[in-house]
All heavy atoms as atom14 arrays in JSON, in Angstrom:
{
  "sequence": "LIVDISGNLKEVLQKVGNPQAAKNLVDRTKGILKA",
  "atom14_mask": [
    [1, 1, 1, 1, 1, 1, 1, 1, 0, 0, 0, 0, 0, 0],
    [1, 1, 1, 1, 1, 1, 1, 1, 0, 0, 0, 0, 0, 0],
    [1, 1, 1, 1, 1, 1, 1, 0, 0, 0, 0, 0, 0, 0],
    [1, 1, 1, 1, 1, 1, 1, 1, 0, 0, 0, 0, 0, 0],
    [1, 1, 1, 1, 1, 1, 1, 1, 0, 0, 0, 0, 0, 0],
    [1, 1, 1, 1, 1, 1, 0, 0, 0, 0, 0, 0, 0, 0],
    [1, 1, 1, 1, 0, 0, 0, 0, 0, 0, 0, 0, 0, 0],
    [1, 1, 1, 1, 1, 1, 1, 1, 0, 0, 0, 0, 0, 0],
    [1, 1, 1, 1, 1, 1, 1, 1, 0, 0, 0, 0, 0, 0],
    [1, 1, 1, 1, 1, 1, 1, 1, 1, 0, 0, 0, 0, 0],
    [1, 1, 1, 1, 1, 1, 1, 1, 1, 0, 0, 0, 0, 0],
    [1, 1, 1, 1, 1, 1, 1, 0, 0, 0, 0, 0, 0, 0],
    [1, 1, 1, 1, 1, 1, 1, 1, 0, 0, 0, 0, 0, 0],
    [1, 1, 1, 1, 1, 1, 1, 1, 1, 0, 0, 0, 0, 0],
    [1, 1, 1, 1, 1, 1, 1, 1, 1, 0, 0, 0, 0, 0],
    [1, 1, 1, 1, 1, 1, 1, 0, 0, 0, 0, 0, 0, 0],
    [1, 1, 1, 1, 0, 0, 0, 0, 0, 0, 0, 0, 0, 0],
    [1, 1, 1, 1, 1, 1, 1, 1, 0, 0, 0, 0, 0, 0],
    [1, 1, 1, 1, 1, 1, 1, 0, 0, 0, 0, 0, 0, 0],
    [1, 1, 1, 1, 1, 1, 1, 1, 1, 0, 0, 0, 0, 0],
    [1, 1, 1, 1, 1, 0, 0, 0, 0, 0, 0, 0, 0, 0],
    [1, 1, 1, 1, 1, 0, 0, 0, 0, 0, 0, 0, 0, 0],
    [1, 1, 1, 1, 1, 1, 1, 1, 1, 0, 0, 0, 0, 0],
    [1, 1, 1, 1, 1, 1, 1, 1, 0, 0, 0, 0, 0, 0],
    [1, 1, 1, 1, 1, 1, 1, 1, 0, 0, 0, 0, 0, 0],
    [1, 1, 1, 1, 1, 1, 1, 0, 0, 0, 0, 0, 0, 0],
    [1, 1, 1, 1, 1, 1, 1, 1, 0, 0, 0, 0, 0, 0],
    [1, 1, 1, 1, 1, 1, 1, 1, 1, 1, 1, 0, 0, 0],
    [1, 1, 1, 1, 1, 1, 1, 0, 0, 0, 0, 0, 0, 0],
    [1, 1, 1, 1, 1, 1, 1, 1, 1, 0, 0, 0, 0, 0],
    [1, 1, 1, 1, 0, 0, 0, 0, 0, 0, 0, 0, 0, 0],
    [1, 1, 1, 1, 1, 1, 1, 1, 0, 0, 0, 0, 0, 0],
    [1, 1, 1, 1, 1, 1, 1, 1, 0, 0, 0, 0, 0, 0],
    [1, 1, 1, 1, 1, 1, 1, 1, 1, 0, 0, 0, 0, 0],
    [1, 1, 1, 1, 1, 0, 0, 0, 0, 0, 0, 0, 0, 0]
  ],
  "atom14_positions": [
    [[179.21, 91.02, 115.12], [180.63, 91.28, 114.82], [181.35, 90.03, 114.38], [182.11, 90.05, 113.38], [181.32, 91.84, 116.06], [180.93, 93.25, 116.5], [181.47, 93.56, 117.86], [181.38, 94.29, 115.47], [0.0, 0.0, 0.0], [0.0, 0.0, 0.0], [0.0, 0.0, 0.0], [0.0, 0.0, 0.0], [0.0, 0.0, 0.0], [0.0, 0.0, 0.0]],
    [[181.09, 88.91, 115.01], [181.73, 87.63, 114.64], [181.29, 87.24, 113.24], [182.1, 86.82, 112.4], [181.41, 86.5, 115.67], [182.1, 86.8, 116.97], [181.77, 85.16, 115.12], [183.59, 86.59, 116.99], [0.0, 0.0, 0.0], [0.0, 0.0, 0.0], [0.0, 0.0, 0.0], [0.0, 0.0, 0.0], [0.0, 0.0, 0.0], [0.0, 0.0, 0.0]],
    [[180.01, 87.35, 112.96], [179.5, 86.98, 111.64], [180.16, 87.87, 110.56], [180.57, 87.36, 109.5], [177.97, 87.03, 111.56], [177.47, 86.96, 110.16], [177.36, 85.92, 112.45], [0.0, 0.0, 0.0], [0.0, 0.0, 0.0], [0.0, 0.0, 0.0], [0.0, 0.0, 0.0], [0.0, 0.0, 0.0], [0.0, 0.0, 0.0], [0.0, 0.0, 0.0]],
    [[180.29, 89.12, 110.89], [180.92, 90.09, 109.91], [182.37, 89.79, 109.65], [182.84, 89.85, 108.51], [180.74, 91.5, 110.45], [180.91, 92.55, 109.33], [181.08, 92.2, 108.16], [180.88, 93.75, 109.65], [0.0, 0.0, 0.0], [0.0, 0.0, 0.0], [0.0, 0.0, 0.0], [0.0, 0.0, 0.0], [0.0, 0.0, 0.0], [0.0, 0.0, 0.0]],
    [[183.13, 89.35, 110.69], [184.55, 89.12, 110.44], [184.87, 87.71, 109.97], [185.97, 87.46, 109.46], [185.41, 89.38, 111.72], [185.06, 88.39, 112.82], [185.29, 90.81, 112.18], [186.01, 88.51, 114.02], [0.0, 0.0, 0.0], [0.0, 0.0, 0.0], [0.0, 0.0, 0.0], [0.0, 0.0, 0.0], [0.0, 0.0, 0.0], [0.0, 0.0, 0.0]],
    [[183.9, 86.78, 110.02], [184.16, 85.43, 109.68], [184.65, 85.26, 108.26], [185.46, 84.36, 107.96], [182.93, 84.54, 109.93], [181.88, 84.89, 109.07], [0.0, 0.0, 0.0], [0.0, 0.0, 0.0], [0.0, 0.0, 0.0], [0.0, 0.0, 0.0], [0.0, 0.0, 0.0], [0.0, 0.0, 0.0], [0.0, 0.0, 0.0], [0.0, 0.0, 0.0]],
    [[184.23, 86.12, 107.34], [184.67, 86.02, 105.96], [185.97, 86.64, 105.65], [186.62, 86.33, 104.61], [0.0, 0.0, 0.0], [0.0, 0.0, 0.0], [0.0, 0.0, 0.0], [0.0, 0.0, 0.0], [0.0, 0.0, 0.0], [0.0, 0.0, 0.0], [0.0, 0.0, 0.0], [0.0, 0.0, 0.0], [0.0, 0.0, 0.0], [0.0, 0.0, 0.0]],
    [[186.5, 87.48, 106.54], [187.78, 88.14, 106.28], [188.65, 88.18, 107.53], [189.23, 89.22, 107.87], [187.55, 89.53, 105.69], [186.76, 90.43, 106.64], [186.2, 89.97, 107.6], [186.76, 91.73, 106.35], [0.0, 0.0, 0.0], [0.0, 0.0, 0.0], [0.0, 0.0, 0.0], [0.0, 0.0, 0.0], [0.0, 0.0, 0.0], [0.0, 0.0, 0.0]],
    [[188.72, 87.03, 108.22], [189.46, 86.95, 109.48], [190.94, 87.32, 109.33], [191.52, 88.02, 110.17], [189.31, 85.56, 110.1], [189.91, 85.37, 111.45], [189.39, 86.36, 112.46], [189.66, 83.92, 111.93], [0.0, 0.0, 0.0], [0.0, 0.0, 0.0], [0.0, 0.0, 0.0], [0.0, 0.0, 0.0], [0.0, 0.0, 0.0], [0.0, 0.0, 0.0]],
    [[191.55, 86.88, 108.25], [192.99, 87.14, 108.03], [193.25, 88.65, 107.99], [194.16, 89.16, 108.61], [193.48, 86.47, 106.76], [194.97, 86.59, 106.56], [195.39, 85.77, 105.36], [196.9, 85.86, 105.2], [197.38, 85.07, 104.02], [0.0, 0.0, 0.0], [0.0, 0.0, 0.0], [0.0, 0.0, 0.0], [0.0, 0.0, 0.0], [0.0, 0.0, 0.0]],
    [[192.39, 89.37, 107.27], [192.55, 90.83, 107.17], [192.38, 91.5, 108.56], [193.1, 92.41, 108.91], [191.47, 91.34, 106.19], [191.43, 92.86, 106.06], [190.28, 93.33, 105.2], [189.99, 92.67, 104.2], [189.66, 94.32, 105.56], [0.0, 0.0, 0.0], [0.0, 0.0, 0.0], [0.0, 0.0, 0.0], [0.0, 0.0, 0.0], [0.0, 0.0, 0.0]],
    [[191.4, 91.02, 109.3], [191.14, 91.6, 110.59], [192.32, 91.34, 111.57], [192.73, 92.19, 112.31], [189.8, 91.11, 111.24], [189.58, 91.61, 112.62], [188.63, 91.5, 110.34], [0.0, 0.0, 0.0], [0.0, 0.0, 0.0], [0.0, 0.0, 0.0], [0.0, 0.0, 0.0], [0.0, 0.0, 0.0], [0.0, 0.0, 0.0], [0.0, 0.0, 0.0]],
    [[192.87, 90.1, 111.5], [194.04, 89.76, 112.32], [195.22, 90.7, 112.01], [195.92, 91.13, 112.89], [194.44, 88.3, 112.05], [193.78, 87.26, 112.95], [194.02, 85.85, 112.37], [194.25, 87.35, 114.37], [0.0, 0.0, 0.0], [0.0, 0.0, 0.0], [0.0, 0.0, 0.0], [0.0, 0.0, 0.0], [0.0, 0.0, 0.0], [0.0, 0.0, 0.0]],
    [[195.39, 91.03, 110.76], [196.47, 91.93, 110.38], [196.26, 93.34, 110.94], [197.21, 93.99, 111.3], [196.62, 91.98, 108.85], [197.18, 90.69, 108.27], [197.12, 90.69, 106.76], [196.43, 91.44, 106.12], [197.91, 89.77, 106.18], [0.0, 0.0, 0.0], [0.0, 0.0, 0.0], [0.0, 0.0, 0.0], [0.0, 0.0, 0.0], [0.0, 0.0, 0.0]],
    [[195.03, 93.75, 111.05], [194.73, 95.06, 111.6], [195.02, 95.15, 113.12], [195.38, 96.2, 113.62], [193.28, 95.45, 111.39], [192.98, 95.81, 109.92], [191.53, 96.19, 109.81], [191.13, 96.5, 108.39], [189.72, 96.83, 108.21], [0.0, 0.0, 0.0], [0.0, 0.0, 0.0], [0.0, 0.0, 0.0], [0.0, 0.0, 0.0], [0.0, 0.0, 0.0]],
    [[194.84, 94.0, 113.78], [195.05, 93.98, 115.22], [196.56, 94.03, 115.56], [196.99, 94.82, 116.4], [194.42, 92.72, 115.86], [194.8, 92.6, 117.32], [192.91, 92.79, 115.71], [0.0, 0.0, 0.0], [0.0, 0.0, 0.0], [0.0, 0.0, 0.0], [0.0, 0.0, 0.0], [0.0, 0.0, 0.0], [0.0, 0.0, 0.0], [0.0, 0.0, 0.0]],
    [[197.32, 93.22, 114.87], [198.78, 93.24, 115.13], [199.14, 92.51, 116.41], [198.82, 91.34, 116.58], [0.0, 0.0, 0.0], [0.0, 0.0, 0.0], [0.0, 0.0, 0.0], [0.0, 0.0, 0.0], [0.0, 0.0, 0.0], [0.0, 0.0, 0.0], [0.0, 0.0, 0.0], [0.0, 0.0, 0.0], [0.0, 0.0, 0.0], [0.0, 0.0, 0.0]],
    [[199.79, 93.2, 117.33], [200.3, 92.58, 118.53], [199.43, 92.91, 119.76], [198.48, 93.71, 119.66], [201.74, 93.06, 118.77], [201.8, 94.58, 118.92], [201.05, 95.17, 119.66], [202.68, 95.22, 118.15], [0.0, 0.0, 0.0], [0.0, 0.0, 0.0], [0.0, 0.0, 0.0], [0.0, 0.0, 0.0], [0.0, 0.0, 0.0], [0.0, 0.0, 0.0]],
    [[199.7, 92.27, 120.91], [198.87, 92.52, 122.11], [198.79, 94.0, 122.5], [197.73, 94.44, 122.97], [199.53, 91.66, 123.16], [200.15, 90.52, 122.41], [200.64, 91.18, 121.1], [0.0, 0.0, 0.0], [0.0, 0.0, 0.0], [0.0, 0.0, 0.0], [0.0, 0.0, 0.0], [0.0, 0.0, 0.0], [0.0, 0.0, 0.0], [0.0, 0.0, 0.0]],
    [[199.86, 94.77, 122.34], [199.8, 96.18, 122.75], [198.86, 96.98, 121.8], [198.08, 97.8, 122.27], [201.21, 96.82, 122.73], [201.19, 98.28, 123.2], [200.6, 98.45, 124.61], [200.96, 97.71, 125.53], [199.68, 99.4, 124.77], [0.0, 0.0, 0.0], [0.0, 0.0, 0.0], [0.0, 0.0, 0.0], [0.0, 0.0, 0.0], [0.0, 0.0, 0.0]],
    [[198.93, 96.71, 120.51], [198.01, 97.34, 119.56], [196.55, 96.97, 119.88], [195.66, 97.76, 119.8], [198.36, 96.96, 118.12], [0.0, 0.0, 0.0], [0.0, 0.0, 0.0], [0.0, 0.0, 0.0], [0.0, 0.0, 0.0], [0.0, 0.0, 0.0], [0.0, 0.0, 0.0], [0.0, 0.0, 0.0], [0.0, 0.0, 0.0], [0.0, 0.0, 0.0]],
    [[196.38, 95.68, 120.28], [195.05, 95.24, 120.67], [194.54, 95.98, 121.86], [193.38, 96.38, 121.96], [195.04, 93.72, 120.92], [0.0, 0.0, 0.0], [0.0, 0.0, 0.0], [0.0, 0.0, 0.0], [0.0, 0.0, 0.0], [0.0, 0.0, 0.0], [0.0, 0.0, 0.0], [0.0, 0.0, 0.0], [0.0, 0.0, 0.0], [0.0, 0.0, 0.0]],
    [[195.41, 96.17, 122.87], [195.03, 96.9, 124.07], [194.63, 98.35, 123.73], [193.67, 98.84, 124.26], [196.15, 96.88, 125.11], [195.76, 97.6, 126.39], [196.93, 97.92, 127.25], [196.58, 98.63, 128.53], [195.79, 99.89, 128.3], [0.0, 0.0, 0.0], [0.0, 0.0, 0.0], [0.0, 0.0, 0.0], [0.0, 0.0, 0.0], [0.0, 0.0, 0.0]],
    [[195.38, 98.95, 122.86], [195.04, 100.35, 122.45], [193.64, 100.39, 121.8], [192.9, 101.33, 122.01], [196.08, 100.87, 121.48], [197.43, 101.06, 122.16], [197.52, 101.17, 123.36], [198.49, 101.11, 121.37], [0.0, 0.0, 0.0], [0.0, 0.0, 0.0], [0.0, 0.0, 0.0], [0.0, 0.0, 0.0], [0.0, 0.0, 0.0], [0.0, 0.0, 0.0]],
    [[193.31, 99.38, 121.04], [192.0, 99.29, 120.4], [190.91, 99.15, 121.49], [189.87, 99.85, 121.38], [191.96, 98.12, 119.44], [190.58, 97.86, 118.8], [190.26, 99.0, 117.81], [190.53, 96.52, 118.1], [0.0, 0.0, 0.0], [0.0, 0.0, 0.0], [0.0, 0.0, 0.0], [0.0, 0.0, 0.0], [0.0, 0.0, 0.0], [0.0, 0.0, 0.0]],
    [[191.16, 98.31, 122.42], [190.18, 98.18, 123.55], [189.94, 99.56, 124.22], [188.81, 99.93, 124.43], [190.7, 97.14, 124.58], [189.91, 97.2, 125.87], [190.64, 95.74, 123.98], [0.0, 0.0, 0.0], [0.0, 0.0, 0.0], [0.0, 0.0, 0.0], [0.0, 0.0, 0.0], [0.0, 0.0, 0.0], [0.0, 0.0, 0.0], [0.0, 0.0, 0.0]],
    [[191.03, 100.25, 124.51], [190.88, 101.57, 125.13], [190.11, 102.55, 124.25], [189.29, 103.31, 124.74], [192.26, 102.15, 125.43], [193.03, 101.35, 126.48], [192.38, 100.58, 127.26], [194.27, 101.52, 126.58], [0.0, 0.0, 0.0], [0.0, 0.0, 0.0], [0.0, 0.0, 0.0], [0.0, 0.0, 0.0], [0.0, 0.0, 0.0], [0.0, 0.0, 0.0]],
    [[190.33, 102.54, 122.97], [189.68, 103.49, 122.02], [188.19, 103.2, 121.84], [187.43, 104.11, 121.59], [190.32, 103.39, 120.65], [191.47, 104.28, 120.41], [191.84, 104.44, 118.92], [191.39, 103.42, 118.02], [192.14, 102.45, 117.5], [193.4, 102.34, 117.86], [191.65, 101.57, 116.68], [0.0, 0.0, 0.0], [0.0, 0.0, 0.0], [0.0, 0.0, 0.0]],
    [[187.77, 101.97, 121.98], [186.39, 101.64, 121.65], [185.44, 101.77, 122.82], [184.23, 101.77, 122.64], [186.3, 100.2, 121.09], [186.9, 99.28, 122.07], [187.0, 100.06, 119.76], [0.0, 0.0, 0.0], [0.0, 0.0, 0.0], [0.0, 0.0, 0.0], [0.0, 0.0, 0.0], [0.0, 0.0, 0.0], [0.0, 0.0, 0.0], [0.0, 0.0, 0.0]],
    [[185.99, 101.89, 124.01], [185.09, 101.96, 125.18], [184.09, 103.12, 125.07], [182.88, 102.93, 125.32], [185.96, 102.14, 126.42], [185.17, 102.25, 127.72], [186.17, 102.4, 128.87], [185.5, 102.69, 130.16], [186.49, 102.8, 131.27], [0.0, 0.0, 0.0], [0.0, 0.0, 0.0], [0.0, 0.0, 0.0], [0.0, 0.0, 0.0], [0.0, 0.0, 0.0]],
    [[184.56, 104.27, 124.66], [183.66, 105.45, 124.51], [182.58, 105.22, 123.48], [181.44, 105.65, 123.68], [0.0, 0.0, 0.0], [0.0, 0.0, 0.0], [0.0, 0.0, 0.0], [0.0, 0.0, 0.0], [0.0, 0.0, 0.0], [0.0, 0.0, 0.0], [0.0, 0.0, 0.0], [0.0, 0.0, 0.0], [0.0, 0.0, 0.0], [0.0, 0.0, 0.0]],
    [[182.97, 104.6, 122.4], [182.0, 104.34, 121.34], [180.88, 103.45, 121.88], [179.7, 103.67, 121.69], [182.67, 103.61, 120.1], [183.71, 104.55, 119.47], [181.6, 103.16, 119.11], [184.61, 103.85, 118.44], [0.0, 0.0, 0.0], [0.0, 0.0, 0.0], [0.0, 0.0, 0.0], [0.0, 0.0, 0.0], [0.0, 0.0, 0.0], [0.0, 0.0, 0.0]],
    [[181.28, 102.37, 122.56], [180.32, 101.41, 123.04], [179.38, 102.07, 124.08], [178.17, 101.85, 124.07], [181.04, 100.23, 123.68], [181.81, 99.35, 122.7], [182.73, 98.37, 123.41], [180.8, 98.54, 121.83], [0.0, 0.0, 0.0], [0.0, 0.0, 0.0], [0.0, 0.0, 0.0], [0.0, 0.0, 0.0], [0.0, 0.0, 0.0], [0.0, 0.0, 0.0]],
    [[179.98, 102.84, 125.01], [179.16, 103.45, 126.06], [178.18, 104.47, 125.5], [177.1, 104.7, 126.03], [180.04, 104.05, 127.14], [180.66, 102.96, 128.03], [181.15, 103.52, 129.32], [181.46, 102.36, 130.23], [181.53, 102.78, 131.63], [0.0, 0.0, 0.0], [0.0, 0.0, 0.0], [0.0, 0.0, 0.0], [0.0, 0.0, 0.0], [0.0, 0.0, 0.0]],
    [[178.59, 105.13, 124.4], [177.7, 106.14, 123.8], [176.55, 105.5, 123.02], [175.47, 106.09, 122.93], [178.52, 107.03, 122.86], [0.0, 0.0, 0.0], [0.0, 0.0, 0.0], [0.0, 0.0, 0.0], [0.0, 0.0, 0.0], [0.0, 0.0, 0.0], [0.0, 0.0, 0.0], [0.0, 0.0, 0.0], [0.0, 0.0, 0.0], [0.0, 0.0, 0.0]]
  ]
}
């Protein structure tokens, strides 16, 4: 993941936004990871 984002970090940062949006992302990805 880090290697993949290293070339476009600015774009990825814009997708994250603020801490609340980041928390929502954490909540959404748990199921993907566990599956």
